[in-house]
Amino acid sequence: MPKPAARPVTRDPEKKSKIILKAARKEFASAGFDGARVDRIAAKSKHSKGLIYHHFQSKDELFRSVLVQMYQELSEENKELFLEEFEPQAGVIRLIEHTFDYFANNPDFIILINAENLMKAQHLRKSEDVRKSFEPLRASLDALLKKGAQQGIFRPNVDSTELYISIVALGYFYLSNMHTLSVVFDKALGDEKAIAARKQHIKELVLGFLRNKEPDT
């Protein structure tokens, strides 16, 4: 009786890399860079240490790849906002809500970026991809701000990079320090009502800054 044909071996390096990066992201987020162990990443990903080092060469390179992947994911989501298709105020509100919600729904991002900042961005400095990842958002936001200024809704000459950093900071700081701030102010800042109030506060602050206060001539 003939033997059944052997099942073909699947070789998909991109899929393997994604599985490894998913496991690495969880490990770095839970243990930190120094505490993370490649042995545990191998166990979680069900891939050997040898294969992990084949794809990523070192723990530093693996951490850098996790960071780059996160920034690329955020960049792709930002592209799908299609800000240039909205009226100025609606587009800014859309960006504020998405940015806040992204950080709220991806706590690993905050943890890992905090870790990288403690290391003075030594991993991200090696990635040209990260530097380029926000160019599409900057272009869309520039167009939105220009449209708002032309309509007389927004003040002129707003720096889109400065504005985006402020939008990020207003949500990022709140979420990354939510537990300590809740103790300090004796208020449950993680509650649904508190989160909604914070988002509304950010929108009012940003739109108040953007509002054109010059009288019509």
N, C-alpha and C. Protein backbone atom coordinates (compact mmCIF):
# COMPACT_ATOMS: atom_id res chain seq x y z
N MET A 1 0.86 -1.20 0.00
CA MET A 1 0.00 0.00 0.00
C MET A 1 0.89 1.25 0.00
N PRO A 2 0.67 2.17 -0.94
CA PRO A 2 1.56 3.35 -1.02
C PRO A 2 1.39 4.26 0.19
N LYS A 3 2.50 4.83 0.61
CA LYS A 3 2.46 5.75 1.74
C LYS A 3 1.79 7.06 1.33
N PRO A 4 1.03 7.65 2.26
CA PRO A 4 0.41 8.95 1.92
C PRO A 4 1.48 10.00 1.68
N ALA A 5 1.16 10.89 0.77
CA ALA A 5 2.13 11.94 0.44
C ALA A 5 2.39 12.82 1.66
N ALA A 6 3.63 13.18 1.86
CA ALA A 6 4.01 14.03 2.99
C ALA A 6 3.41 15.43 2.81
N ARG A 7 2.96 16.00 3.91
CA ARG A 7 2.40 17.35 3.84
C ARG A 7 3.52 18.34 3.56
N PRO A 8 3.29 19.26 2.65
CA PRO A 8 4.34 20.22 2.33
C PRO A 8 4.69 21.11 3.53
N VAL A 9 5.95 21.41 3.69
CA VAL A 9 6.40 22.27 4.76
C VAL A 9 6.15 23.73 4.37
N THR A 10 5.45 24.45 5.24
CA THR A 10 5.13 25.84 4.95
C THR A 10 6.30 26.73 5.35
N ARG A 11 6.79 27.47 4.40
CA ARG A 11 7.86 28.41 4.69
C ARG A 11 7.35 29.82 4.40
N ASP A 12 7.08 30.53 5.44
CA ASP A 12 6.54 31.88 5.32
C ASP A 12 7.26 32.75 6.35
N PRO A 13 8.43 33.28 5.99
CA PRO A 13 9.21 34.06 6.96
C PRO A 13 8.47 35.28 7.49
N GLU A 14 7.65 35.91 6.65
CA GLU A 14 6.92 37.10 7.10
C GLU A 14 5.91 36.74 8.18
N LYS A 15 5.22 35.62 7.99
CA LYS A 15 4.25 35.17 8.99
C LYS A 15 4.95 34.81 10.28
N LYS A 16 6.09 34.13 10.18
CA LYS A 16 6.85 33.76 11.38
C LYS A 16 7.31 35.00 12.12
N SER A 17 7.77 36.01 11.38
CA SER A 17 8.24 37.24 12.01
C SER A 17 7.10 37.93 12.77
N LYS A 18 5.91 37.94 12.18
CA LYS A 18 4.76 38.57 12.84
C LYS A 18 4.40 37.85 14.13
N ILE A 19 4.47 36.51 14.11
CA ILE A 19 4.17 35.72 15.31
C ILE A 19 5.20 36.02 16.40
N ILE A 20 6.46 36.07 16.01
CA ILE A 20 7.53 36.36 16.97
C ILE A 20 7.37 37.77 17.53
N LEU A 21 7.07 38.75 16.68
CA LEU A 21 6.92 40.13 17.13
C LEU A 21 5.72 40.27 18.08
N LYS A 22 4.66 39.56 17.82
CA LYS A 22 3.49 39.61 18.71
C LYS A 22 3.86 39.11 20.10
N ALA A 23 4.59 37.98 20.15
CA ALA A 23 5.02 37.43 21.44
C ALA A 23 6.03 38.36 22.11
N ALA A 24 6.93 38.94 21.32
CA ALA A 24 7.95 39.84 21.87
C ALA A 24 7.30 41.10 22.45
N ARG A 25 6.31 41.60 21.78
CA ARG A 25 5.61 42.80 22.25
C ARG A 25 5.02 42.57 23.64
N LYS A 26 4.39 41.42 23.84
CA LYS A 26 3.81 41.08 25.14
C LYS A 26 4.89 40.92 26.19
N GLU A 27 5.99 40.28 25.82
CA GLU A 27 7.07 40.04 26.77
C GLU A 27 7.74 41.34 27.19
N PHE A 28 8.06 42.20 26.24
CA PHE A 28 8.70 43.48 26.57
C PHE A 28 7.76 44.36 27.39
N ALA A 29 6.45 44.34 27.07
CA ALA A 29 5.49 45.17 27.79
C ALA A 29 5.32 44.70 29.23
N SER A 30 5.39 43.39 29.47
CA SER A 30 5.16 42.87 30.82
C SER A 30 6.44 42.85 31.66
N ALA A 31 7.61 42.65 31.02
CA ALA A 31 8.86 42.49 31.77
C ALA A 31 9.82 43.65 31.60
N GLY A 32 9.54 44.56 30.65
CA GLY A 32 10.50 45.63 30.37
C GLY A 32 11.63 45.11 29.51
N PHE A 33 12.44 46.03 28.99
CA PHE A 33 13.53 45.59 28.10
C PHE A 33 14.54 44.74 28.86
N ASP A 34 14.97 45.20 30.01
CA ASP A 34 16.00 44.46 30.77
C ASP A 34 15.47 43.13 31.27
N GLY A 35 14.21 43.10 31.67
CA GLY A 35 13.67 41.86 32.24
C GLY A 35 13.18 40.86 31.20
N ALA A 36 13.00 41.30 29.97
CA ALA A 36 12.49 40.40 28.92
C ALA A 36 13.49 39.30 28.63
N ARG A 37 12.99 38.11 28.34
CA ARG A 37 13.83 36.96 28.04
C ARG A 37 13.43 36.34 26.71
N VAL A 38 14.42 36.09 25.88
CA VAL A 38 14.16 35.49 24.57
C VAL A 38 13.61 34.08 24.74
N ASP A 39 14.00 33.39 25.81
CA ASP A 39 13.45 32.05 26.09
C ASP A 39 11.93 32.11 26.19
N ARG A 40 11.42 33.12 26.90
CA ARG A 40 9.96 33.23 27.06
C ARG A 40 9.30 33.64 25.75
N ILE A 41 9.97 34.48 24.97
CA ILE A 41 9.43 34.85 23.66
C ILE A 41 9.35 33.63 22.76
N ALA A 42 10.36 32.78 22.83
CA ALA A 42 10.36 31.54 22.05
C ALA A 42 9.20 30.64 22.46
N ALA A 43 8.98 30.54 23.77
CA ALA A 43 7.90 29.69 24.26
C ALA A 43 6.53 30.24 23.84
N LYS A 44 6.35 31.56 23.96
CA LYS A 44 5.07 32.17 23.61
C LYS A 44 4.79 32.11 22.12
N SER A 45 5.84 32.23 21.33
CA SER A 45 5.66 32.24 19.87
C SER A 45 5.69 30.84 19.28
N LYS A 46 6.12 29.86 20.10
CA LYS A 46 6.28 28.48 19.62
C LYS A 46 7.31 28.40 18.48
N HIS A 47 8.32 29.24 18.57
CA HIS A 47 9.44 29.22 17.64
C HIS A 47 10.73 29.14 18.44
N SER A 48 11.72 28.50 17.88
CA SER A 48 12.97 28.29 18.60
C SER A 48 13.76 29.59 18.75
N LYS A 49 14.63 29.62 19.77
CA LYS A 49 15.51 30.78 19.94
C LYS A 49 16.39 30.96 18.71
N GLY A 50 16.81 29.85 18.14
CA GLY A 50 17.66 29.93 16.95
C GLY A 50 16.95 30.63 15.80
N LEU A 51 15.67 30.31 15.62
CA LEU A 51 14.90 30.95 14.56
C LEU A 51 14.71 32.44 14.86
N ILE A 52 14.45 32.78 16.12
CA ILE A 52 14.28 34.18 16.50
C ILE A 52 15.55 34.97 16.19
N TYR A 53 16.69 34.42 16.57
CA TYR A 53 17.95 35.12 16.31
C TYR A 53 18.28 35.14 14.82
N HIS A 54 17.79 34.16 14.09
CA HIS A 54 17.98 34.16 12.63
C HIS A 54 17.25 35.34 12.00
N HIS A 55 16.05 35.63 12.51
CA HIS A 55 15.24 36.71 11.95
C HIS A 55 15.67 38.09 12.49
N PHE A 56 16.11 38.14 13.76
CA PHE A 56 16.30 39.44 14.40
C PHE A 56 17.70 39.67 14.98
N GLN A 57 18.57 38.70 14.91
CA GLN A 57 20.00 38.84 15.27
C GLN A 57 20.27 39.07 16.76
N SER A 58 19.47 39.91 17.43
CA SER A 58 19.75 40.21 18.83
C SER A 58 18.47 40.67 19.53
N LYS A 59 18.53 40.71 20.85
CA LYS A 59 17.40 41.21 21.64
C LYS A 59 17.14 42.68 21.33
N ASP A 60 18.21 43.46 21.14
CA ASP A 60 18.05 44.88 20.79
C ASP A 60 17.33 45.04 19.47
N GLU A 61 17.71 44.23 18.49
CA GLU A 61 17.09 44.32 17.17
C GLU A 61 15.63 43.89 17.23
N LEU A 62 15.33 42.92 18.08
CA LEU A 62 13.95 42.47 18.26
C LEU A 62 13.10 43.58 18.87
N PHE A 63 13.65 44.26 19.87
CA PHE A 63 12.93 45.36 20.51
C PHE A 63 12.72 46.50 19.52
N ARG A 64 13.75 46.82 18.75
CA ARG A 64 13.62 47.87 17.73
C ARG A 64 12.52 47.52 16.74
N SER A 65 12.47 46.27 16.33
CA SER A 65 11.46 45.84 15.35
C SER A 65 10.05 45.94 15.92
N VAL A 66 9.91 45.66 17.21
CA VAL A 66 8.60 45.80 17.86
C VAL A 66 8.17 47.27 17.84
N LEU A 67 9.09 48.17 18.18
CA LEU A 67 8.78 49.60 18.18
C LEU A 67 8.40 50.09 16.78
N VAL A 68 9.17 49.70 15.79
CA VAL A 68 8.91 50.12 14.41
C VAL A 68 7.54 49.62 13.97
N GLN A 69 7.24 48.37 14.30
CA GLN A 69 5.94 47.80 13.93
C GLN A 69 4.80 48.61 14.55
N MET A 70 4.94 49.01 15.81
CA MET A 70 3.89 49.79 16.46
C MET A 70 3.69 51.13 15.78
N TYR A 71 4.78 51.81 15.47
CA TYR A 71 4.66 53.11 14.79
C TYR A 71 4.05 52.95 13.40
N GLN A 72 4.39 51.88 12.72
CA GLN A 72 3.83 51.65 11.40
C GLN A 72 2.33 51.38 11.48
N GLU A 73 1.92 50.63 12.51
CA GLU A 73 0.49 50.37 12.70
C GLU A 73 -0.27 51.68 12.94
N LEU A 74 0.28 52.53 13.81
CA LEU A 74 -0.37 53.81 14.07
C LEU A 74 -0.40 54.67 12.82
N SER A 75 0.68 54.66 12.05
CA SER A 75 0.74 55.43 10.81
C SER A 75 -0.32 54.96 9.83
N GLU A 76 -0.49 53.64 9.71
CA GLU A 76 -1.49 53.10 8.78
C GLU A 76 -2.90 53.50 9.22
N GLU A 77 -3.16 53.47 10.51
CA GLU A 77 -4.47 53.88 11.00
C GLU A 77 -4.70 55.37 10.75
N ASN A 78 -3.65 56.16 10.91
CA ASN A 78 -3.78 57.60 10.65
C ASN A 78 -4.13 57.88 9.18
N LYS A 79 -3.53 57.10 8.28
CA LYS A 79 -3.83 57.27 6.85
C LYS A 79 -5.30 57.03 6.57
N GLU A 80 -5.90 56.08 7.30
CA GLU A 80 -7.29 55.72 7.05
C GLU A 80 -8.28 56.72 7.63
N LEU A 81 -7.78 57.75 8.29
CA LEU A 81 -8.66 58.80 8.79
C LEU A 81 -9.17 59.70 7.67
N PHE A 82 -8.38 59.80 6.57
CA PHE A 82 -8.73 60.63 5.41
C PHE A 82 -9.11 62.05 5.85
N LEU A 83 -8.24 62.66 6.64
CA LEU A 83 -8.54 63.96 7.22
C LEU A 83 -8.85 65.02 6.16
N GLU A 84 -8.15 64.94 5.03
CA GLU A 84 -8.31 65.96 4.00
C GLU A 84 -9.73 65.99 3.41
N GLU A 85 -10.50 64.93 3.65
CA GLU A 85 -11.85 64.87 3.11
C GLU A 85 -12.88 65.52 4.03
N PHE A 86 -12.46 65.95 5.21
CA PHE A 86 -13.39 66.51 6.19
C PHE A 86 -13.30 68.03 6.23
N GLU A 87 -14.36 68.64 6.74
CA GLU A 87 -14.30 70.06 7.04
C GLU A 87 -13.31 70.26 8.19
N PRO A 88 -12.67 71.42 8.27
CA PRO A 88 -11.56 71.61 9.20
C PRO A 88 -11.83 71.19 10.65
N GLN A 89 -12.90 71.70 11.24
CA GLN A 89 -13.15 71.39 12.64
C GLN A 89 -13.46 69.91 12.84
N ALA A 90 -14.25 69.33 11.95
CA ALA A 90 -14.59 67.91 12.05
C ALA A 90 -13.35 67.03 11.89
N GLY A 91 -12.44 67.44 11.01
CA GLY A 91 -11.22 66.67 10.81
C GLY A 91 -10.32 66.68 12.04
N VAL A 92 -10.20 67.84 12.69
CA VAL A 92 -9.38 67.93 13.91
C VAL A 92 -9.99 67.09 15.02
N ILE A 93 -11.30 67.16 15.17
CA ILE A 93 -11.99 66.34 16.18
C ILE A 93 -11.76 64.86 15.91
N ARG A 94 -11.83 64.46 14.65
CA ARG A 94 -11.59 63.07 14.28
C ARG A 94 -10.18 62.63 14.67
N LEU A 95 -9.20 63.48 14.43
CA LEU A 95 -7.82 63.16 14.78
C LEU A 95 -7.64 63.05 16.30
N ILE A 96 -8.22 63.97 17.04
CA ILE A 96 -8.13 63.95 18.50
C ILE A 96 -8.73 62.66 19.05
N GLU A 97 -9.91 62.32 18.60
CA GLU A 97 -10.59 61.12 19.12
C GLU A 97 -9.82 59.86 18.77
N HIS A 98 -9.35 59.78 17.54
CA HIS A 98 -8.62 58.58 17.13
C HIS A 98 -7.32 58.43 17.91
N THR A 99 -6.59 59.53 18.08
CA THR A 99 -5.31 59.48 18.79
C THR A 99 -5.50 59.04 20.23
N PHE A 100 -6.47 59.62 20.91
CA PHE A 100 -6.75 59.26 22.29
C PHE A 100 -7.18 57.79 22.37
N ASP A 101 -8.10 57.39 21.52
CA ASP A 101 -8.61 56.01 21.55
C ASP A 101 -7.52 55.00 21.23
N TYR A 102 -6.60 55.35 20.33
CA TYR A 102 -5.53 54.43 19.99
C TYR A 102 -4.67 54.14 21.23
N PHE A 103 -4.28 55.17 21.95
CA PHE A 103 -3.48 54.97 23.15
C PHE A 103 -4.26 54.22 24.22
N ALA A 104 -5.55 54.55 24.37
CA ALA A 104 -6.37 53.88 25.38
C ALA A 104 -6.52 52.39 25.08
N ASN A 105 -6.63 52.06 23.80
CA ASN A 105 -6.85 50.66 23.39
C ASN A 105 -5.55 49.88 23.20
N ASN A 106 -4.42 50.57 23.25
CA ASN A 106 -3.12 49.92 23.07
C ASN A 106 -2.16 50.31 24.19
N PRO A 107 -2.46 49.86 25.41
CA PRO A 107 -1.59 50.24 26.55
C PRO A 107 -0.15 49.79 26.38
N ASP A 108 0.08 48.72 25.62
CA ASP A 108 1.45 48.27 25.37
C ASP A 108 2.27 49.36 24.68
N PHE A 109 1.63 50.13 23.82
CA PHE A 109 2.32 51.21 23.12
C PHE A 109 2.91 52.20 24.13
N ILE A 110 2.09 52.60 25.09
CA ILE A 110 2.55 53.56 26.10
C ILE A 110 3.70 52.98 26.92
N ILE A 111 3.57 51.74 27.34
CA ILE A 111 4.59 51.10 28.17
C ILE A 111 5.92 51.03 27.41
N LEU A 112 5.87 50.59 26.16
CA LEU A 112 7.10 50.39 25.40
C LEU A 112 7.74 51.70 24.97
N ILE A 113 6.94 52.70 24.66
CA ILE A 113 7.51 54.00 24.30
C ILE A 113 8.12 54.66 25.53
N ASN A 114 7.50 54.49 26.69
CA ASN A 114 8.11 54.99 27.92
C ASN A 114 9.47 54.33 28.16
N ALA A 115 9.54 53.03 27.92
CA ALA A 115 10.81 52.31 28.09
C ALA A 115 11.86 52.83 27.13
N GLU A 116 11.47 53.06 25.89
CA GLU A 116 12.42 53.55 24.89
C GLU A 116 12.89 54.96 25.21
N ASN A 117 12.01 55.78 25.78
CA ASN A 117 12.42 57.12 26.18
C ASN A 117 13.44 57.07 27.31
N LEU A 118 13.29 56.12 28.23
CA LEU A 118 14.27 55.96 29.30
C LEU A 118 15.64 55.60 28.74
N MET A 119 15.63 54.94 27.58
CA MET A 119 16.89 54.57 26.91
C MET A 119 17.29 55.60 25.86
N LYS A 120 16.64 56.78 25.92
CA LYS A 120 16.97 57.91 25.04
C LYS A 120 16.85 57.57 23.56
N ALA A 121 15.84 56.75 23.24
CA ALA A 121 15.51 56.39 21.85
C ALA A 121 16.67 55.74 21.11
N GLN A 122 17.48 54.97 21.82
CA GLN A 122 18.66 54.38 21.19
C GLN A 122 18.31 53.37 20.10
N HIS A 123 17.11 52.79 20.18
CA HIS A 123 16.70 51.83 19.15
C HIS A 123 16.05 52.53 17.97
N LEU A 124 15.16 53.48 18.26
CA LEU A 124 14.44 54.17 17.18
C LEU A 124 15.36 55.03 16.33
N ARG A 125 16.47 55.50 16.91
CA ARG A 125 17.41 56.32 16.15
C ARG A 125 17.96 55.57 14.94
N LYS A 126 17.91 54.24 15.00
CA LYS A 126 18.47 53.43 13.92
C LYS A 126 17.46 53.15 12.82
N SER A 127 16.24 53.68 12.96
CA SER A 127 15.19 53.37 12.00
C SER A 127 14.77 54.58 11.18
N GLU A 128 15.09 54.56 9.92
CA GLU A 128 14.65 55.62 9.00
C GLU A 128 13.15 55.51 8.74
N ASP A 129 12.61 54.28 8.84
CA ASP A 129 11.18 54.06 8.58
C ASP A 129 10.32 54.87 9.54
N VAL A 130 10.71 54.95 10.80
CA VAL A 130 9.92 55.68 11.78
C VAL A 130 9.90 57.16 11.45
N ARG A 131 11.03 57.69 11.01
CA ARG A 131 11.09 59.12 10.66
C ARG A 131 10.13 59.45 9.51
N LYS A 132 9.96 58.50 8.61
CA LYS A 132 9.10 58.73 7.45
C LYS A 132 7.64 58.40 7.70
N SER A 133 7.36 57.67 8.78
CA SER A 133 6.02 57.12 8.97
C SER A 133 4.94 58.17 9.18
N PHE A 134 5.32 59.36 9.67
CA PHE A 134 4.31 60.37 9.95
C PHE A 134 4.20 61.45 8.87
N GLU A 135 4.96 61.29 7.80
CA GLU A 135 4.86 62.26 6.71
C GLU A 135 3.45 62.34 6.11
N PRO A 136 2.77 61.22 5.86
CA PRO A 136 1.41 61.31 5.31
C PRO A 136 0.45 62.06 6.24
N LEU A 137 0.55 61.80 7.56
CA LEU A 137 -0.31 62.51 8.51
C LEU A 137 0.01 63.99 8.52
N ARG A 138 1.29 64.33 8.49
CA ARG A 138 1.67 65.74 8.50
C ARG A 138 1.11 66.45 7.27
N ALA A 139 1.17 65.80 6.12
CA ALA A 139 0.65 66.40 4.89
C ALA A 139 -0.87 66.60 4.98
N SER A 140 -1.57 65.59 5.50
CA SER A 140 -3.03 65.70 5.63
C SER A 140 -3.42 66.78 6.62
N LEU A 141 -2.69 66.84 7.73
CA LEU A 141 -3.00 67.86 8.74
C LEU A 141 -2.67 69.26 8.24
N ASP A 142 -1.58 69.39 7.51
CA ASP A 142 -1.24 70.68 6.90
C ASP A 142 -2.37 71.17 5.99
N ALA A 143 -2.88 70.24 5.17
CA ALA A 143 -3.97 70.60 4.25
C ALA A 143 -5.22 71.00 5.01
N LEU A 144 -5.51 70.30 6.09
CA LEU A 144 -6.70 70.59 6.90
C LEU A 144 -6.57 71.97 7.56
N LEU A 145 -5.40 72.25 8.11
CA LEU A 145 -5.18 73.55 8.76
C LEU A 145 -5.21 74.69 7.75
N LYS A 146 -4.67 74.45 6.56
CA LYS A 146 -4.69 75.47 5.50
C LYS A 146 -6.14 75.76 5.08
N LYS A 147 -6.94 74.69 4.94
CA LYS A 147 -8.34 74.88 4.57
C LYS A 147 -9.07 75.68 5.64
N GLY A 148 -8.80 75.36 6.91
CA GLY A 148 -9.44 76.09 8.00
C GLY A 148 -9.06 77.55 8.03
N ALA A 149 -7.78 77.84 7.75
CA ALA A 149 -7.32 79.23 7.72
C ALA A 149 -7.95 79.98 6.55
N GLN A 150 -8.06 79.32 5.39
CA GLN A 150 -8.67 79.96 4.22
C GLN A 150 -10.14 80.27 4.45
N GLN A 151 -10.82 79.43 5.22
CA GLN A 151 -12.23 79.65 5.52
C GLN A 151 -12.44 80.65 6.66
N GLY A 152 -11.33 81.08 7.28
CA GLY A 152 -11.43 82.02 8.38
C GLY A 152 -11.82 81.38 9.71
N ILE A 153 -11.81 80.02 9.75
CA ILE A 153 -12.18 79.30 10.97
C ILE A 153 -10.99 79.17 11.90
N PHE A 154 -9.82 78.83 11.33
CA PHE A 154 -8.61 78.61 12.11
C PHE A 154 -7.66 79.80 11.97
N ARG A 155 -6.87 80.00 12.98
CA ARG A 155 -5.82 81.01 12.91
C ARG A 155 -4.80 80.58 11.85
N PRO A 156 -4.12 81.51 11.21
CA PRO A 156 -3.16 81.14 10.17
C PRO A 156 -1.83 80.67 10.76
N ASN A 157 -1.06 79.98 9.92
CA ASN A 157 0.33 79.61 10.22
C ASN A 157 0.50 78.74 11.46
N VAL A 158 -0.41 77.79 11.64
CA VAL A 158 -0.27 76.83 12.73
C VAL A 158 0.70 75.73 12.29
N ASP A 159 1.68 75.42 13.12
CA ASP A 159 2.65 74.37 12.83
C ASP A 159 2.01 73.01 13.12
N SER A 160 1.85 72.20 12.09
CA SER A 160 1.14 70.92 12.24
C SER A 160 1.87 69.96 13.17
N THR A 161 3.20 70.00 13.16
CA THR A 161 3.95 69.11 14.04
C THR A 161 3.74 69.48 15.49
N GLU A 162 3.81 70.78 15.80
CA GLU A 162 3.58 71.24 17.17
C GLU A 162 2.15 70.89 17.62
N LEU A 163 1.20 71.07 16.72
CA LEU A 163 -0.20 70.78 17.06
C LEU A 163 -0.37 69.30 17.36
N TYR A 164 0.20 68.45 16.52
CA TYR A 164 0.05 67.00 16.72
C TYR A 164 0.72 66.56 18.02
N ILE A 165 1.90 67.09 18.31
CA ILE A 165 2.58 66.76 19.57
C ILE A 165 1.69 67.14 20.76
N SER A 166 1.03 68.29 20.68
CA SER A 166 0.14 68.71 21.76
C SER A 166 -1.06 67.78 21.89
N ILE A 167 -1.64 67.37 20.77
CA ILE A 167 -2.77 66.44 20.80
C ILE A 167 -2.35 65.12 21.44
N VAL A 168 -1.18 64.62 21.04
CA VAL A 168 -0.66 63.38 21.62
C VAL A 168 -0.44 63.55 23.12
N ALA A 169 0.21 64.64 23.50
CA ALA A 169 0.57 64.85 24.91
C ALA A 169 -0.66 64.92 25.81
N LEU A 170 -1.70 65.59 25.34
CA LEU A 170 -2.89 65.77 26.16
C LEU A 170 -3.59 64.44 26.48
N GLY A 171 -3.48 63.48 25.59
CA GLY A 171 -4.05 62.16 25.85
C GLY A 171 -3.05 61.22 26.48
N TYR A 172 -1.83 61.22 25.96
CA TYR A 172 -0.78 60.29 26.39
C TYR A 172 -0.46 60.46 27.87
N PHE A 173 -0.27 61.71 28.31
CA PHE A 173 0.07 61.96 29.71
C PHE A 173 -1.05 61.47 30.63
N TYR A 174 -2.28 61.78 30.26
CA TYR A 174 -3.43 61.37 31.06
C TYR A 174 -3.46 59.85 31.22
N LEU A 175 -3.32 59.13 30.11
CA LEU A 175 -3.43 57.68 30.14
C LEU A 175 -2.22 57.01 30.79
N SER A 176 -1.03 57.55 30.55
CA SER A 176 0.17 56.93 31.10
C SER A 176 0.33 57.18 32.60
N ASN A 177 -0.34 58.23 33.11
CA ASN A 177 -0.24 58.57 34.53
C ASN A 177 -1.59 58.47 35.24
N MET A 178 -2.52 57.75 34.62
CA MET A 178 -3.89 57.70 35.12
C MET A 178 -3.98 57.15 36.54
N HIS A 179 -3.19 56.15 36.86
CA HIS A 179 -3.28 55.51 38.17
C HIS A 179 -2.78 56.44 39.28
N THR A 180 -1.65 57.07 39.06
CA THR A 180 -1.13 57.99 40.08
C THR A 180 -2.00 59.24 40.19
N LEU A 181 -2.45 59.75 39.06
CA LEU A 181 -3.32 60.94 39.09
C LEU A 181 -4.64 60.64 39.80
N SER A 182 -5.14 59.42 39.65
CA SER A 182 -6.38 59.03 40.33
C SER A 182 -6.22 59.08 41.84
N VAL A 183 -5.03 58.68 42.30
CA VAL A 183 -4.75 58.73 43.75
C VAL A 183 -4.59 60.17 44.21
N VAL A 184 -3.79 60.94 43.47
CA VAL A 184 -3.50 62.32 43.86
C VAL A 184 -4.78 63.16 43.95
N PHE A 185 -5.66 63.01 42.96
CA PHE A 185 -6.86 63.84 42.93
C PHE A 185 -8.10 63.12 43.47
N ASP A 186 -7.89 61.89 43.98
CA ASP A 186 -8.98 61.11 44.58
C ASP A 186 -10.18 61.03 43.64
N LYS A 187 -9.86 60.65 42.41
CA LYS A 187 -10.89 60.59 41.36
C LYS A 187 -10.58 59.41 40.45
N ALA A 188 -11.60 58.64 40.11
CA ALA A 188 -11.41 57.45 39.26
C ALA A 188 -11.28 57.89 37.80
N LEU A 189 -10.07 58.21 37.38
CA LEU A 189 -9.87 58.76 36.04
C LEU A 189 -9.98 57.71 34.94
N GLY A 190 -10.04 56.44 35.31
CA GLY A 190 -10.22 55.40 34.31
C GLY A 190 -11.66 55.07 34.02
N ASP A 191 -12.59 55.68 34.75
CA ASP A 191 -14.02 55.44 34.52
C ASP A 191 -14.44 55.96 33.15
N GLU A 192 -15.50 55.36 32.62
CA GLU A 192 -15.99 55.74 31.29
C GLU A 192 -16.35 57.22 31.22
N LYS A 193 -17.00 57.73 32.26
CA LYS A 193 -17.40 59.14 32.27
C LYS A 193 -16.18 60.06 32.32
N ALA A 194 -15.17 59.66 33.10
CA ALA A 194 -13.96 60.47 33.22
C ALA A 194 -13.20 60.50 31.90
N ILE A 195 -13.14 59.36 31.22
CA ILE A 195 -12.47 59.27 29.91
C ILE A 195 -13.18 60.16 28.90
N ALA A 196 -14.52 60.10 28.87
CA ALA A 196 -15.29 60.92 27.94
C ALA A 196 -15.09 62.41 28.24
N ALA A 197 -15.04 62.75 29.52
CA ALA A 197 -14.84 64.15 29.90
C ALA A 197 -13.46 64.63 29.47
N ARG A 198 -12.46 63.76 29.60
CA ARG A 198 -11.10 64.14 29.19
C ARG A 198 -11.04 64.39 27.69
N LYS A 199 -11.64 63.51 26.91
CA LYS A 199 -11.63 63.71 25.45
C LYS A 199 -12.32 65.02 25.07
N GLN A 200 -13.42 65.31 25.73
CA GLN A 200 -14.13 66.56 25.44
C GLN A 200 -13.27 67.76 25.82
N HIS A 201 -12.56 67.66 26.94
CA HIS A 201 -11.67 68.73 27.38
C HIS A 201 -10.56 68.98 26.35
N ILE A 202 -10.00 67.90 25.83
CA ILE A 202 -8.93 68.03 24.83
C ILE A 202 -9.46 68.72 23.58
N LYS A 203 -10.63 68.30 23.14
CA LYS A 203 -11.22 68.92 21.94
C LYS A 203 -11.45 70.41 22.14
N GLU A 204 -11.96 70.77 23.30
CA GLU A 204 -12.22 72.19 23.57
C GLU A 204 -10.92 72.99 23.64
N LEU A 205 -9.89 72.42 24.25
CA LEU A 205 -8.60 73.10 24.33
C LEU A 205 -8.00 73.33 22.95
N VAL A 206 -7.97 72.27 22.15
CA VAL A 206 -7.33 72.35 20.84
C VAL A 206 -8.11 73.27 19.90
N LEU A 207 -9.43 73.11 19.87
CA LEU A 207 -10.23 73.96 18.99
C LEU A 207 -10.21 75.41 19.45
N GLY A 208 -10.11 75.62 20.76
CA GLY A 208 -9.99 76.98 21.28
C GLY A 208 -8.69 77.63 20.82
N PHE A 209 -7.61 76.85 20.81
CA PHE A 209 -6.34 77.36 20.32
C PHE A 209 -6.40 77.67 18.82
N LEU A 210 -7.04 76.80 18.06
CA LEU A 210 -7.08 76.96 16.61
C LEU A 210 -8.02 78.07 16.14
N ARG A 211 -8.99 78.39 16.97
CA ARG A 211 -10.02 79.34 16.53
C ARG A 211 -9.41 80.68 16.14
N ASN A 212 -9.83 81.18 15.00
CA ASN A 212 -9.35 82.48 14.52
C ASN A 212 -10.02 83.59 15.32
N LYS A 213 -9.24 84.32 16.09
CA LYS A 213 -9.77 85.37 16.96
C LYS A 213 -9.67 86.75 16.34
N GLU A 214 -9.09 86.83 15.14
CA GLU A 214 -8.95 88.14 14.51
C GLU A 214 -10.29 88.60 13.96
N PRO A 215 -10.63 89.85 14.14
CA PRO A 215 -11.93 90.34 13.62
C PRO A 215 -11.91 90.38 12.10
N ASP A 216 -13.08 90.15 11.51
CA ASP A 216 -13.20 90.22 10.05
C ASP A 216 -12.96 91.65 9.58
N THR A 217 -12.31 91.80 8.44
CA THR A 217 -12.05 93.12 7.89
C THR A 217 -12.79 93.32 6.59
